[in-house]
Amino acid sequence: MTKPRTYPTAPVELPMREAELEPVPVEGCAGCAELDKVRARARVVNDQATITDANVLLRRHPDGH
């Protein structure tokens, strides 16, 4: 008789699709341009929290467009 397994199975690996999900800034909008710059600077130092915050603000920003 084999001994039953007492540990979980391997984790599921999901693909990183960040680039597909990022909002695109509206051309000619100063607010969008600033948020895009913040996101680019955060990406240089690998600050994922700021990148995410900028993406959320970009998604919510288009109220005036």
N, C-alpha and C. Protein backbone atom coordinates (compact mmCIF):
# COMPACT_ATOMS: atom_id res chain seq x y z
N MET A 1 0.84 -1.18 0.00
CA MET A 1 0.00 0.00 0.00
C MET A 1 0.88 1.25 0.00
N THR A 2 0.54 2.24 -0.83
CA THR A 2 1.34 3.46 -0.90
C THR A 2 0.87 4.45 0.16
N LYS A 3 1.81 5.24 0.57
CA LYS A 3 1.51 6.25 1.59
C LYS A 3 0.76 7.43 0.93
N PRO A 4 -0.34 7.90 1.51
CA PRO A 4 -1.07 9.03 0.89
C PRO A 4 -0.25 10.31 0.93
N ARG A 5 -0.46 11.12 -0.09
CA ARG A 5 0.26 12.40 -0.19
C ARG A 5 -0.34 13.37 0.83
N THR A 6 0.52 14.04 1.60
CA THR A 6 0.05 14.97 2.63
C THR A 6 0.47 16.40 2.36
N TYR A 7 0.77 16.69 1.12
CA TYR A 7 1.17 18.04 0.74
C TYR A 7 0.34 18.49 -0.46
N PRO A 8 0.18 19.80 -0.64
CA PRO A 8 -0.65 20.28 -1.76
C PRO A 8 0.07 20.08 -3.10
N THR A 9 -0.69 20.17 -4.14
CA THR A 9 -0.11 20.08 -5.48
C THR A 9 0.64 21.38 -5.79
N ALA A 10 1.36 21.36 -6.87
CA ALA A 10 2.15 22.53 -7.28
C ALA A 10 1.21 23.70 -7.59
N PRO A 11 1.66 24.94 -7.36
CA PRO A 11 0.80 26.10 -7.64
C PRO A 11 0.57 26.27 -9.14
N VAL A 12 -0.53 26.89 -9.47
CA VAL A 12 -0.86 27.18 -10.87
C VAL A 12 -0.09 28.43 -11.26
N GLU A 13 0.60 28.39 -12.38
CA GLU A 13 1.35 29.54 -12.89
C GLU A 13 0.49 30.29 -13.90
N LEU A 14 0.14 31.53 -13.58
CA LEU A 14 -0.65 32.35 -14.49
C LEU A 14 0.26 33.32 -15.24
N PRO A 15 -0.03 33.61 -16.49
CA PRO A 15 0.82 34.53 -17.26
C PRO A 15 0.66 35.97 -16.76
N MET A 16 1.74 36.74 -16.81
CA MET A 16 1.70 38.16 -16.47
C MET A 16 1.23 38.91 -17.71
N ARG A 17 0.11 39.59 -17.61
CA ARG A 17 -0.46 40.30 -18.75
C ARG A 17 -0.57 41.79 -18.46
N GLU A 18 0.39 42.33 -17.74
CA GLU A 18 0.33 43.74 -17.34
C GLU A 18 0.23 44.69 -18.53
N ALA A 19 1.07 44.46 -19.54
CA ALA A 19 1.10 45.38 -20.67
C ALA A 19 -0.24 45.40 -21.41
N GLU A 20 -0.94 44.28 -21.47
CA GLU A 20 -2.21 44.22 -22.16
C GLU A 20 -3.30 44.97 -21.40
N LEU A 21 -3.14 45.09 -20.09
CA LEU A 21 -4.20 45.64 -19.26
C LEU A 21 -4.00 47.12 -18.91
N GLU A 22 -2.88 47.70 -19.30
CA GLU A 22 -2.62 49.09 -18.94
C GLU A 22 -3.44 50.05 -19.78
N PRO A 23 -4.01 51.07 -19.14
CA PRO A 23 -4.76 52.07 -19.89
C PRO A 23 -3.83 52.96 -20.72
N VAL A 24 -4.35 53.44 -21.82
CA VAL A 24 -3.58 54.30 -22.72
C VAL A 24 -3.98 55.75 -22.45
N PRO A 25 -3.00 56.64 -22.24
CA PRO A 25 -3.34 58.05 -22.00
C PRO A 25 -3.95 58.69 -23.24
N VAL A 26 -4.89 59.61 -23.00
CA VAL A 26 -5.53 60.33 -24.10
C VAL A 26 -4.57 61.40 -24.60
N GLU A 27 -4.36 61.42 -25.90
CA GLU A 27 -3.43 62.38 -26.49
C GLU A 27 -3.95 63.80 -26.32
N GLY A 28 -3.08 64.70 -25.91
CA GLY A 28 -3.45 66.10 -25.74
C GLY A 28 -3.98 66.43 -24.36
N CYS A 29 -4.08 65.45 -23.47
CA CYS A 29 -4.58 65.69 -22.12
C CYS A 29 -3.40 65.80 -21.16
N ALA A 30 -3.28 66.94 -20.49
CA ALA A 30 -2.15 67.17 -19.58
C ALA A 30 -2.20 66.21 -18.38
N GLY A 31 -3.39 65.92 -17.88
CA GLY A 31 -3.52 64.99 -16.74
C GLY A 31 -3.06 63.59 -17.11
N CYS A 32 -3.48 63.11 -18.27
CA CYS A 32 -3.06 61.79 -18.73
C CYS A 32 -1.55 61.75 -18.96
N ALA A 33 -1.01 62.81 -19.52
CA ALA A 33 0.42 62.86 -19.79
C ALA A 33 1.22 62.80 -18.49
N GLU A 34 0.77 63.51 -17.47
CA GLU A 34 1.47 63.49 -16.18
C GLU A 34 1.42 62.11 -15.54
N LEU A 35 0.25 61.49 -15.56
CA LEU A 35 0.14 60.14 -14.99
C LEU A 35 0.99 59.14 -15.76
N ASP A 36 1.10 59.32 -17.07
CA ASP A 36 1.96 58.45 -17.88
C ASP A 36 3.42 58.63 -17.50
N LYS A 37 3.83 59.87 -17.22
CA LYS A 37 5.21 60.14 -16.79
C LYS A 37 5.50 59.51 -15.42
N VAL A 38 4.54 59.63 -14.51
CA VAL A 38 4.69 59.02 -13.17
C VAL A 38 4.87 57.52 -13.33
N ARG A 39 4.05 56.92 -14.17
CA ARG A 39 4.12 55.47 -14.39
C ARG A 39 5.46 55.08 -15.00
N ALA A 40 5.95 55.87 -15.94
CA ALA A 40 7.24 55.56 -16.58
C ALA A 40 8.39 55.66 -15.57
N ARG A 41 8.37 56.70 -14.71
CA ARG A 41 9.42 56.83 -13.69
C ARG A 41 9.36 55.68 -12.70
N ALA A 42 8.17 55.26 -12.33
CA ALA A 42 8.02 54.14 -11.39
C ALA A 42 8.52 52.84 -12.02
N ARG A 43 8.31 52.71 -13.31
CA ARG A 43 8.76 51.49 -14.00
C ARG A 43 10.28 51.39 -14.00
N VAL A 44 10.97 52.53 -14.09
CA VAL A 44 12.44 52.54 -14.09
C VAL A 44 13.00 51.96 -12.79
N VAL A 45 12.35 52.26 -11.67
CA VAL A 45 12.83 51.78 -10.37
C VAL A 45 12.05 50.55 -9.89
N ASN A 46 11.23 49.98 -10.77
CA ASN A 46 10.45 48.78 -10.49
C ASN A 46 9.54 48.95 -9.28
N ASP A 47 8.87 50.11 -9.20
CA ASP A 47 7.93 50.41 -8.13
C ASP A 47 6.54 49.99 -8.58
N GLN A 48 6.20 48.73 -8.36
CA GLN A 48 4.95 48.16 -8.85
C GLN A 48 3.71 48.83 -8.24
N ALA A 49 3.83 49.26 -6.99
CA ALA A 49 2.69 49.91 -6.33
C ALA A 49 2.33 51.22 -7.04
N THR A 50 3.33 52.02 -7.37
CA THR A 50 3.08 53.30 -8.04
C THR A 50 2.59 53.07 -9.47
N ILE A 51 3.11 52.06 -10.14
CA ILE A 51 2.65 51.73 -11.49
C ILE A 51 1.16 51.38 -11.44
N THR A 52 0.78 50.56 -10.47
CA THR A 52 -0.63 50.19 -10.32
C THR A 52 -1.50 51.39 -9.99
N ASP A 53 -1.01 52.25 -9.08
CA ASP A 53 -1.77 53.45 -8.72
C ASP A 53 -1.99 54.35 -9.94
N ALA A 54 -0.93 54.54 -10.73
CA ALA A 54 -1.05 55.38 -11.93
C ALA A 54 -2.04 54.76 -12.92
N ASN A 55 -2.03 53.44 -13.05
CA ASN A 55 -2.98 52.78 -13.95
C ASN A 55 -4.42 52.98 -13.48
N VAL A 56 -4.64 52.87 -12.18
CA VAL A 56 -5.99 53.08 -11.64
C VAL A 56 -6.45 54.52 -11.89
N LEU A 57 -5.56 55.48 -11.62
CA LEU A 57 -5.92 56.88 -11.83
C LEU A 57 -6.16 57.18 -13.31
N LEU A 58 -5.38 56.57 -14.20
CA LEU A 58 -5.61 56.76 -15.64
C LEU A 58 -6.97 56.19 -16.05
N ARG A 59 -7.35 55.06 -15.49
CA ARG A 59 -8.65 54.47 -15.83
C ARG A 59 -9.80 55.35 -15.34
N ARG A 60 -9.62 55.96 -14.20
CA ARG A 60 -10.68 56.79 -13.62
C ARG A 60 -10.68 58.21 -14.18
N HIS A 61 -9.60 58.64 -14.79
CA HIS A 61 -9.42 60.02 -15.24
C HIS A 61 -10.34 60.46 -16.38
N PRO A 62 -10.67 59.60 -17.31
CA PRO A 62 -11.36 60.08 -18.52
C PRO A 62 -12.73 60.70 -18.33
N ASP A 63 -13.12 61.02 -17.12
CA ASP A 63 -14.44 61.63 -16.91
C ASP A 63 -14.63 62.90 -17.74
N GLY A 64 -13.56 63.66 -17.94
CA GLY A 64 -13.68 64.90 -18.69
C GLY A 64 -13.40 64.78 -20.18
N HIS A 65 -13.13 63.59 -20.66
CA HIS A 65 -12.77 63.44 -22.08
C HIS A 65 -13.99 63.23 -22.93
